[in-house]
Amino acid sequence: MFPEMTLETLLPPMLDPGQDFALPYLSKEEEDVIARGIALFHGQRFTGSLDTEQGALYVLMTGKWKKTARFVERIHSGPVGDAQNFIT
């Protein structure tokens, strides 16, 4: 769900005033770290976020996953263990 990122790939867009960037949006609940989605920045200011579903589409559209992505969506409201209720 997250764009692949290192300090070397993050710093140039973060320091360039003409580029926006995105970071993983995480939160802490008790002792667990929860992935909330993607945090969006304009300049060095937080401007909004994408949830996990929107984040996956964002990463796909930016080309970070090349040409391959896999999504599983629930299409029927039956038991979770029944594969007939999902589409990939």
PDB file of N, CA and C in Angstrom:
ATOM      1  N   MET A   1       0.817  -1.190   0.000  1.00  0.00           N
ATOM      2  CA  MET A   1       0.000   0.000   0.000  1.00  0.00           C
ATOM      3  C   MET A   1       0.860   1.253   0.000  1.00  0.00           C
ATOM      4  N   PHE A   2       2.090   1.166   0.474  1.00  0.00           N
ATOM      5  CA  PHE A   2       2.924   2.354   0.572  1.00  0.00           C
ATOM      6  C   PHE A   2       3.876   2.462  -0.602  1.00  0.00           C
ATOM      7  N   PRO A   3       4.182   3.695  -1.014  1.00  0.00           N
ATOM      8  CA  PRO A   3       5.237   3.854  -2.015  1.00  0.00           C
ATOM      9  C   PRO A   3       6.575   3.430  -1.413  1.00  0.00           C
ATOM     10  N   GLU A   4       7.397   2.754  -2.189  1.00  0.00           N
ATOM     11  CA  GLU A   4       8.703   2.346  -1.694  1.00  0.00           C
ATOM     12  C   GLU A   4       9.540   3.599  -1.481  1.00  0.00           C
ATOM     13  N   MET A   5      10.200   3.682  -0.323  1.00  0.00           N
ATOM     14  CA  MET A   5      10.875   4.922   0.007  1.00  0.00           C
ATOM     15  C   MET A   5      12.072   4.672   0.909  1.00  0.00           C
ATOM     16  N   THR A   6      13.131   5.417   0.669  1.00  0.00           N
ATOM     17  CA  THR A   6      14.298   5.451   1.548  1.00  0.00           C
ATOM     18  C   THR A   6      14.608   6.922   1.805  1.00  0.00           C
ATOM     19  N   LEU A   7      15.539   7.198   2.675  1.00  0.00           N
ATOM     20  CA  LEU A   7      15.938   8.590   2.898  1.00  0.00           C
ATOM     21  C   LEU A   7      16.487   9.218   1.623  1.00  0.00           C
ATOM     22  N   GLU A   8      17.179   8.418   0.813  1.00  0.00           N
ATOM     23  CA  GLU A   8      17.741   8.936  -0.429  1.00  0.00           C
ATOM     24  C   GLU A   8      16.663   9.317  -1.435  1.00  0.00           C
ATOM     25  N   THR A   9      15.531   8.605  -1.437  1.00  0.00           N
ATOM     26  CA  THR A   9      14.455   8.952  -2.367  1.00  0.00           C
ATOM     27  C   THR A   9      13.520   9.999  -1.783  1.00  0.00           C
ATOM     28  N   LEU A  10      13.495  10.135  -0.458  1.00  0.00           N
ATOM     29  CA  LEU A  10      12.596  11.092   0.185  1.00  0.00           C
ATOM     30  C   LEU A  10      13.162  12.513   0.212  1.00  0.00           C
ATOM     31  N   LEU A  11      14.433  12.654   0.503  1.00  0.00           N
ATOM     32  CA  LEU A  11      14.992  13.988   0.706  1.00  0.00           C
ATOM     33  C   LEU A  11      14.923  14.908  -0.507  1.00  0.00           C
ATOM     34  N   PRO A  12      15.234  14.463  -1.730  1.00  0.00           N
ATOM     35  CA  PRO A  12      15.148  15.404  -2.850  1.00  0.00           C
ATOM     36  C   PRO A  12      13.760  16.041  -3.034  1.00  0.00           C
ATOM     37  N   PRO A  13      12.653  15.283  -3.075  1.00  0.00           N
ATOM     38  CA  PRO A  13      11.369  15.959  -3.219  1.00  0.00           C
ATOM     39  C   PRO A  13      10.979  16.761  -1.976  1.00  0.00           C
ATOM     40  N   MET A  14      11.457  16.345  -0.810  1.00  0.00           N
ATOM     41  CA  MET A  14      11.132  17.064   0.413  1.00  0.00           C
ATOM     42  C   MET A  14      11.815  18.430   0.450  1.00  0.00           C
ATOM     43  N   LEU A  15      13.010  18.512  -0.078  1.00  0.00           N
ATOM     44  CA  LEU A  15      13.768  19.759  -0.046  1.00  0.00           C
ATOM     45  C   LEU A  15      13.567  20.614  -1.294  1.00  0.00           C
ATOM     46  N   ASP A  16      13.006  20.049  -2.364  1.00  0.00           N
ATOM     47  CA  ASP A  16      12.739  20.794  -3.591  1.00  0.00           C
ATOM     48  C   ASP A  16      11.382  21.475  -3.468  1.00  0.00           C
ATOM     49  N   PRO A  17      11.334  22.803  -3.512  1.00  0.00           N
ATOM     50  CA  PRO A  17      10.052  23.492  -3.331  1.00  0.00           C
ATOM     51  C   PRO A  17       9.044  23.222  -4.442  1.00  0.00           C
ATOM     52  N   GLY A  18       9.456  22.652  -5.561  1.00  0.00           N
ATOM     53  CA  GLY A  18       8.541  22.406  -6.666  1.00  0.00           C
ATOM     54  C   GLY A  18       7.924  21.023  -6.677  1.00  0.00           C
ATOM     55  N   GLN A  19       8.249  20.183  -5.698  1.00  0.00           N
ATOM     56  CA  GLN A  19       7.751  18.814  -5.696  1.00  0.00           C
ATOM     57  C   GLN A  19       6.965  18.519  -4.423  1.00  0.00           C
ATOM     58  N   ASP A  20       5.884  17.770  -4.584  1.00  0.00           N
ATOM     59  CA  ASP A  20       5.120  17.269  -3.445  1.00  0.00           C
ATOM     60  C   ASP A  20       5.535  15.824  -3.207  1.00  0.00           C
ATOM     61  N   PHE A  21       5.218  15.298  -2.039  1.00  0.00           N
ATOM     62  CA  PHE A  21       5.594  13.918  -1.740  1.00  0.00           C
ATOM     63  C   PHE A  21       4.567  13.294  -0.808  1.00  0.00           C
ATOM     64  N   ALA A  22       4.700  11.989  -0.638  1.00  0.00           N
ATOM     65  CA  ALA A  22       3.788  11.223   0.216  1.00  0.00           C
ATOM     66  C   ALA A  22       4.612  10.309   1.113  1.00  0.00           C
ATOM     67  N   LEU A  23       4.084  10.086   2.322  1.00  0.00           N
ATOM     68  CA  LEU A  23       4.725   9.204   3.299  1.00  0.00           C
ATOM     69  C   LEU A  23       3.686   8.235   3.863  1.00  0.00           C
ATOM     70  N   PRO A  24       4.130   7.115   4.413  1.00  0.00           N
ATOM     71  CA  PRO A  24       3.178   6.245   5.098  1.00  0.00           C
ATOM     72  C   PRO A  24       2.522   6.998   6.255  1.00  0.00           C
ATOM     73  N   TYR A  25       1.217   6.818   6.416  1.00  0.00           N
ATOM     74  CA  TYR A  25       0.463   7.469   7.489  1.00  0.00           C
ATOM     75  C   TYR A  25       0.166   6.418   8.540  1.00  0.00           C
ATOM     76  N   LEU A  26       0.888   6.486   9.651  1.00  0.00           N
ATOM     77  CA  LEU A  26       0.816   5.478  10.697  1.00  0.00           C
ATOM     78  C   LEU A  26       0.290   6.099  11.984  1.00  0.00           C
ATOM     79  N   SER A  27      -0.323   5.278  12.819  1.00  0.00           N
ATOM     80  CA  SER A  27      -0.727   5.735  14.144  1.00  0.00           C
ATOM     81  C   SER A  27      -0.456   4.616  15.140  1.00  0.00           C
ATOM     82  N   LYS A  28      -0.420   4.994  16.404  1.00  0.00           N
ATOM     83  CA  LYS A  28      -0.137   4.011  17.454  1.00  0.00           C
ATOM     84  C   LYS A  28      -1.374   3.860  18.315  1.00  0.00           C
ATOM     85  N   GLU A  29      -1.807   2.623  18.491  1.00  0.00           N
ATOM     86  CA  GLU A  29      -2.913   2.299  19.374  1.00  0.00           C
ATOM     87  C   GLU A  29      -2.399   1.294  20.395  1.00  0.00           C
ATOM     88  N   GLU A  30      -2.277   1.771  21.636  1.00  0.00           N
ATOM     89  CA  GLU A  30      -1.703   0.962  22.701  1.00  0.00           C
ATOM     90  C   GLU A  30      -0.287   0.582  22.292  1.00  0.00           C
ATOM     91  N   GLU A  31       0.006  -0.683  22.098  1.00  0.00           N
ATOM     92  CA  GLU A  31       1.347  -1.123  21.704  1.00  0.00           C
ATOM     93  C   GLU A  31       1.446  -1.444  20.217  1.00  0.00           C
ATOM     94  N   ASP A  32       0.354  -1.276  19.469  1.00  0.00           N
ATOM     95  CA  ASP A  32       0.334  -1.629  18.050  1.00  0.00           C
ATOM     96  C   ASP A  32       0.511  -0.395  17.173  1.00  0.00           C
ATOM     97  N   VAL A  33       1.198  -0.579  16.062  1.00  0.00           N
ATOM     98  CA  VAL A  33       1.311   0.462  15.042  1.00  0.00           C
ATOM     99  C   VAL A  33       0.339   0.092  13.926  1.00  0.00           C
ATOM    100  N   ILE A  34      -0.543   1.022  13.580  1.00  0.00           N
ATOM    101  CA  ILE A  34      -1.600   0.776  12.601  1.00  0.00           C
ATOM    102  C   ILE A  34      -1.316   1.589  11.337  1.00  0.00           C
ATOM    103  N   ALA A  35      -1.394   0.935  10.177  1.00  0.00           N
ATOM    104  CA  ALA A  35      -1.259   1.631   8.900  1.00  0.00           C
ATOM    105  C   ALA A  35      -2.596   2.284   8.569  1.00  0.00           C
ATOM    106  N   ARG A  36      -2.632   3.607   8.527  1.00  0.00           N
ATOM    107  CA  ARG A  36      -3.860   4.351   8.250  1.00  0.00           C
ATOM    108  C   ARG A  36      -4.004   4.700   6.773  1.00  0.00           C
ATOM    109  N   GLY A  37      -2.898   4.711   6.041  1.00  0.00           N
ATOM    110  CA  GLY A  37      -2.942   5.068   4.630  1.00  0.00           C
ATOM    111  C   GLY A  37      -1.694   5.820   4.229  1.00  0.00           C
ATOM    112  N   ILE A  38      -1.876   6.860   3.425  1.00  0.00           N
ATOM    113  CA  ILE A  38      -0.759   7.662   2.926  1.00  0.00           C
ATOM    114  C   ILE A  38      -0.992   9.119   3.296  1.00  0.00           C
ATOM    115  N   ALA A  39       0.032   9.752   3.875  1.00  0.00           N
ATOM    116  CA  ALA A  39      -0.019  11.174   4.211  1.00  0.00           C
ATOM    117  C   ALA A  39       0.525  11.965   3.023  1.00  0.00           C
ATOM    118  N   LEU A  40      -0.189  13.004   2.613  1.00  0.00           N
ATOM    119  CA  LEU A  40       0.194  13.822   1.466  1.00  0.00           C
ATOM    120  C   LEU A  40       0.776  15.150   1.954  1.00  0.00           C
ATOM    121  N   PHE A  41       1.832  15.589   1.299  1.00  0.00           N
ATOM    122  CA  PHE A  41       2.502  16.832   1.673  1.00  0.00           C
ATOM    123  C   PHE A  41       2.626  17.746   0.464  1.00  0.00           C
ATOM    124  N   HIS A  42       2.480  19.044   0.720  1.00  0.00           N
ATOM    125  CA  HIS A  42       2.750  20.089  -0.266  1.00  0.00           C
ATOM    126  C   HIS A  42       3.815  20.962   0.370  1.00  0.00           C
ATOM    127  N   GLY A  43       4.975  21.048  -0.284  1.00  0.00           N
ATOM    128  CA  GLY A  43       6.104  21.691   0.373  1.00  0.00           C
ATOM    129  C   GLY A  43       6.481  20.815   1.557  1.00  0.00           C
ATOM    130  N   GLN A  44       6.551  21.410   2.733  1.00  0.00           N
ATOM    131  CA  GLN A  44       6.845  20.613   3.920  1.00  0.00           C
ATOM    132  C   GLN A  44       5.655  20.572   4.862  1.00  0.00           C
ATOM    133  N   ARG A  45       4.459  20.829   4.329  1.00  0.00           N
ATOM    134  CA  ARG A  45       3.247  20.828   5.141  1.00  0.00           C
ATOM    135  C   ARG A  45       2.346  19.647   4.805  1.00  0.00           C
ATOM    136  N   PHE A  46       1.817  19.058   5.850  1.00  0.00           N
ATOM    137  CA  PHE A  46       0.836  17.988   5.704  1.00  0.00           C
ATOM    138  C   PHE A  46      -0.454  18.603   5.158  1.00  0.00           C
ATOM    139  N   THR A  47      -0.960  18.073   4.041  1.00  0.00           N
ATOM    140  CA  THR A  47      -2.160  18.651   3.434  1.00  0.00           C
ATOM    141  C   THR A  47      -3.355  17.712   3.432  1.00  0.00           C
ATOM    142  N   GLY A  48      -3.150  16.440   3.719  1.00  0.00           N
ATOM    143  CA  GLY A  48      -4.264  15.502   3.739  1.00  0.00           C
ATOM    144  C   GLY A  48      -3.772  14.074   3.733  1.00  0.00           C
ATOM    145  N   SER A  49      -4.719  13.164   3.630  1.00  0.00           N
ATOM    146  CA  SER A  49      -4.336  11.758   3.641  1.00  0.00           C
ATOM    147  C   SER A  49      -5.276  10.952   2.750  1.00  0.00           C
ATOM    148  N   LEU A  50      -4.790   9.779   2.379  1.00  0.00           N
ATOM    149  CA  LEU A  50      -5.577   8.801   1.631  1.00  0.00           C
ATOM    150  C   LEU A  50      -5.736   7.579   2.521  1.00  0.00           C
ATOM    151  N   ASP A  51      -6.923   6.966   2.516  1.00  0.00           N
ATOM    152  CA  ASP A  51      -7.096   5.748   3.310  1.00  0.00           C
ATOM    153  C   ASP A  51      -6.358   4.599   2.618  1.00  0.00           C
ATOM    154  N   THR A  52      -6.416   3.419   3.190  1.00  0.00           N
ATOM    155  CA  THR A  52      -5.638   2.299   2.657  1.00  0.00           C
ATOM    156  C   THR A  52      -6.063   1.909   1.244  1.00  0.00           C
ATOM    157  N   GLU A  53      -7.346   1.964   0.949  1.00  0.00           N
ATOM    158  CA  GLU A  53      -7.818   1.628  -0.397  1.00  0.00           C
ATOM    159  C   GLU A  53      -7.363   2.679  -1.401  1.00  0.00           C
ATOM    160  N   GLN A  54      -7.531   3.945  -1.080  1.00  0.00           N
ATOM    161  CA  GLN A  54      -7.098   5.026  -1.962  1.00  0.00           C
ATOM    162  C   GLN A  54      -5.582   5.027  -2.104  1.00  0.00           C
ATOM    163  N   GLY A  55      -4.880   4.687  -1.022  1.00  0.00           N
ATOM    164  CA  GLY A  55      -3.423   4.647  -1.047  1.00  0.00           C
ATOM    165  C   GLY A  55      -2.897   3.617  -2.025  1.00  0.00           C
ATOM    166  N   ALA A  56      -3.526   2.461  -2.064  1.00  0.00           N
ATOM    167  CA  ALA A  56      -3.105   1.429  -3.015  1.00  0.00           C
ATOM    168  C   ALA A  56      -3.300   1.908  -4.446  1.00  0.00           C
ATOM    169  N   LEU A  57      -4.397   2.578  -4.727  1.00  0.00           N
ATOM    170  CA  LEU A  57      -4.625   3.113  -6.071  1.00  0.00           C
ATOM    171  C   LEU A  57      -3.629   4.213  -6.407  1.00  0.00           C
ATOM    172  N   TYR A  58      -3.299   5.055  -5.428  1.00  0.00           N
ATOM    173  CA  TYR A  58      -2.304   6.113  -5.627  1.00  0.00           C
ATOM    174  C   TYR A  58      -0.959   5.521  -6.029  1.00  0.00           C
ATOM    175  N   VAL A  59      -0.508   4.515  -5.284  1.00  0.00           N
ATOM    176  CA  VAL A  59       0.788   3.894  -5.586  1.00  0.00           C
ATOM    177  C   VAL A  59       0.753   3.242  -6.956  1.00  0.00           C
ATOM    178  N   LEU A  60      -0.343   2.610  -7.316  1.00  0.00           N
ATOM    179  CA  LEU A  60      -0.477   1.999  -8.634  1.00  0.00           C
ATOM    180  C   LEU A  60      -0.411   3.057  -9.736  1.00  0.00           C
ATOM    181  N   MET A  61      -1.125   4.168  -9.547  1.00  0.00           N
ATOM    182  CA  MET A  61      -1.158   5.210 -10.581  1.00  0.00           C
ATOM    183  C   MET A  61       0.165   5.963 -10.721  1.00  0.00           C
ATOM    184  N   THR A  62       0.957   6.008  -9.655  1.00  0.00           N
ATOM    185  CA  THR A  62       2.259   6.676  -9.758  1.00  0.00           C
ATOM    186  C   THR A  62       3.308   5.786 -10.408  1.00  0.00           C
ATOM    187  N   GLY A  63       2.967   4.531 -10.680  1.00  0.00           N
ATOM    188  CA  GLY A  63       3.893   3.630 -11.349  1.00  0.00           C
ATOM    189  C   GLY A  63       4.896   2.967 -10.421  1.00  0.00           C
ATOM    190  N   LYS A  64       4.726   3.093  -9.123  1.00  0.00           N
ATOM    191  CA  LYS A  64       5.679   2.517  -8.170  1.00  0.00           C
ATOM    192  C   LYS A  64       5.596   1.001  -8.121  1.00  0.00           C
ATOM    193  N   TRP A  65       4.466   0.423  -8.533  1.00  0.00           N
ATOM    194  CA  TRP A  65       4.323  -1.025  -8.547  1.00  0.00           C
ATOM    195  C   TRP A  65       4.523  -1.587  -9.956  1.00  0.00           C
ATOM    196  N   LYS A  66       5.117  -0.802 -10.810  1.00  0.00           N
ATOM    197  CA  LYS A  66       5.318  -1.181 -12.216  1.00  0.00           C
ATOM    198  C   LYS A  66       3.955  -1.440 -12.859  1.00  0.00           C
ATOM    199  N   LYS A  67       3.762  -2.617 -13.446  1.00  0.00           N
ATOM    200  CA  LYS A  67       2.501  -2.909 -14.133  1.00  0.00           C
ATOM    201  C   LYS A  67       1.693  -3.989 -13.428  1.00  0.00           C
ATOM    202  N   THR A  68       2.069  -4.324 -12.207  1.00  0.00           N
ATOM    203  CA  THR A  68       1.411  -5.421 -11.517  1.00  0.00           C
ATOM    204  C   THR A  68       0.831  -4.951 -10.191  1.00  0.00           C
ATOM    205  N   ALA A  69      -0.405  -5.313  -9.958  1.00  0.00           N
ATOM    206  CA  ALA A  69      -1.038  -5.061  -8.658  1.00  0.00           C
ATOM    207  C   ALA A  69      -2.141  -6.090  -8.477  1.00  0.00           C
ATOM    208  N   ARG A  70      -2.381  -6.466  -7.246  1.00  0.00           N
ATOM    209  CA  ARG A  70      -3.441  -7.442  -6.966  1.00  0.00           C
ATOM    210  C   ARG A  70      -4.372  -6.844  -5.927  1.00  0.00           C
ATOM    211  N   PHE A  71      -5.652  -6.883  -6.240  1.00  0.00           N
ATOM    212  CA  PHE A  71      -6.679  -6.388  -5.334  1.00  0.00           C
ATOM    213  C   PHE A  71      -7.687  -7.498  -5.090  1.00  0.00           C
ATOM    214  N   VAL A  72      -8.157  -7.601  -3.881  1.00  0.00           N
ATOM    215  CA  VAL A  72      -9.220  -8.534  -3.525  1.00  0.00           C
ATOM    216  C   VAL A  72     -10.367  -7.706  -2.967  1.00  0.00           C
ATOM    217  N   GLU A  73     -11.530  -7.810  -3.586  1.00  0.00           N
ATOM    218  CA  GLU A  73     -12.705  -7.052  -3.160  1.00  0.00           C
ATOM    219  C   GLU A  73     -13.845  -8.001  -2.830  1.00  0.00           C
ATOM    220  N   ARG A  74     -14.567  -7.668  -1.802  1.00  0.00           N
ATOM    221  CA  ARG A  74     -15.738  -8.454  -1.416  1.00  0.00           C
ATOM    222  C   ARG A  74     -16.905  -8.043  -2.305  1.00  0.00           C
ATOM    223  N   ILE A  75     -17.574  -9.027  -2.926  1.00  0.00           N
ATOM    224  CA  ILE A  75     -18.695  -8.720  -3.813  1.00  0.00           C
ATOM    225  C   ILE A  75     -20.028  -9.240  -3.291  1.00  0.00           C
ATOM    226  N   HIS A  76     -19.996 -10.166  -2.326  1.00  0.00           N
ATOM    227  CA  HIS A  76     -21.206 -10.689  -1.702  1.00  0.00           C
ATOM    228  C   HIS A  76     -21.023 -10.680  -0.187  1.00  0.00           C
ATOM    229  N   SER A  77     -22.109 -10.536   0.536  1.00  0.00           N
ATOM    230  CA  SER A  77     -22.012 -10.456   1.995  1.00  0.00           C
ATOM    231  C   SER A  77     -22.196 -11.811   2.665  1.00  0.00           C
ATOM    232  N   GLY A  78     -21.434 -12.780   2.237  1.00  0.00           N
ATOM    233  CA  GLY A  78     -21.482 -14.093   2.861  1.00  0.00           C
ATOM    234  C   GLY A  78     -20.314 -14.272   3.810  1.00  0.00           C
ATOM    235  N   PRO A  79     -20.052 -15.503   4.221  1.00  0.00           N
ATOM    236  CA  PRO A  79     -18.945 -15.765   5.142  1.00  0.00           C
ATOM    237  C   PRO A  79     -17.590 -15.368   4.546  1.00  0.00           C
ATOM    238  N   VAL A  80     -16.705 -14.890   5.402  1.00  0.00           N
ATOM    239  CA  VAL A  80     -15.377 -14.459   4.954  1.00  0.00           C
ATOM    240  C   VAL A  80     -14.583 -15.623   4.373  1.00  0.00           C
ATOM    241  N   GLY A  81     -14.772 -16.815   4.881  1.00  0.00           N
ATOM    242  CA  GLY A  81     -14.025 -17.971   4.405  1.00  0.00           C
ATOM    243  C   GLY A  81     -14.477 -18.500   3.050  1.00  0.00           C
ATOM    244  N   ASP A  82     -15.584 -18.005   2.520  1.00  0.00           N
ATOM    245  CA  ASP A  82     -16.111 -18.488   1.246  1.00  0.00           C
ATOM    246  C   ASP A  82     -15.530 -17.651   0.098  1.00  0.00           C
ATOM    247  N   ALA A  83     -14.689 -18.276  -0.725  1.00  0.00           N
ATOM    248  CA  ALA A  83     -14.032 -17.571  -1.824  1.00  0.00           C
ATOM    249  C   ALA A  83     -15.025 -17.037  -2.858  1.00  0.00           C
ATOM    250  N   GLN A  84     -16.229 -17.573  -2.899  1.00  0.00           N
ATOM    251  CA  GLN A  84     -17.239 -17.113  -3.850  1.00  0.00           C
ATOM    252  C   GLN A  84     -17.701 -15.689  -3.549  1.00  0.00           C
ATOM    253  N   ASN A  85     -17.414 -15.192  -2.369  1.00  0.00           N
ATOM    254  CA  ASN A  85     -17.851 -13.851  -1.974  1.00  0.00           C
ATOM    255  C   ASN A  85     -16.832 -12.760  -2.330  1.00  0.00           C
ATOM    256  N   PHE A  86     -15.745 -13.142  -2.980  1.00  0.00           N
ATOM    257  CA  PHE A  86     -14.675 -12.202  -3.291  1.00  0.00           C
ATOM    258  C   PHE A  86     -14.286 -12.294  -4.765  1.00  0.00           C
ATOM    259  N   ILE A  87     -13.700 -11.210  -5.251  1.00  0.00           N
ATOM    260  CA  ILE A  87     -13.148 -11.189  -6.604  1.00  0.00           C
ATOM    261  C   ILE A  87     -11.740 -10.621  -6.514  1.00  0.00           C
ATOM    262  N   THR A  88     -10.813 -11.175  -7.324  1.00  0.00           N
ATOM    263  CA  THR A  88      -9.439 -10.719  -7.343  1.00  0.00           C
ATOM    264  C   THR A  88      -9.141 -10.068  -8.667  1.00  0.00           C
TER     265      THR A  88
END
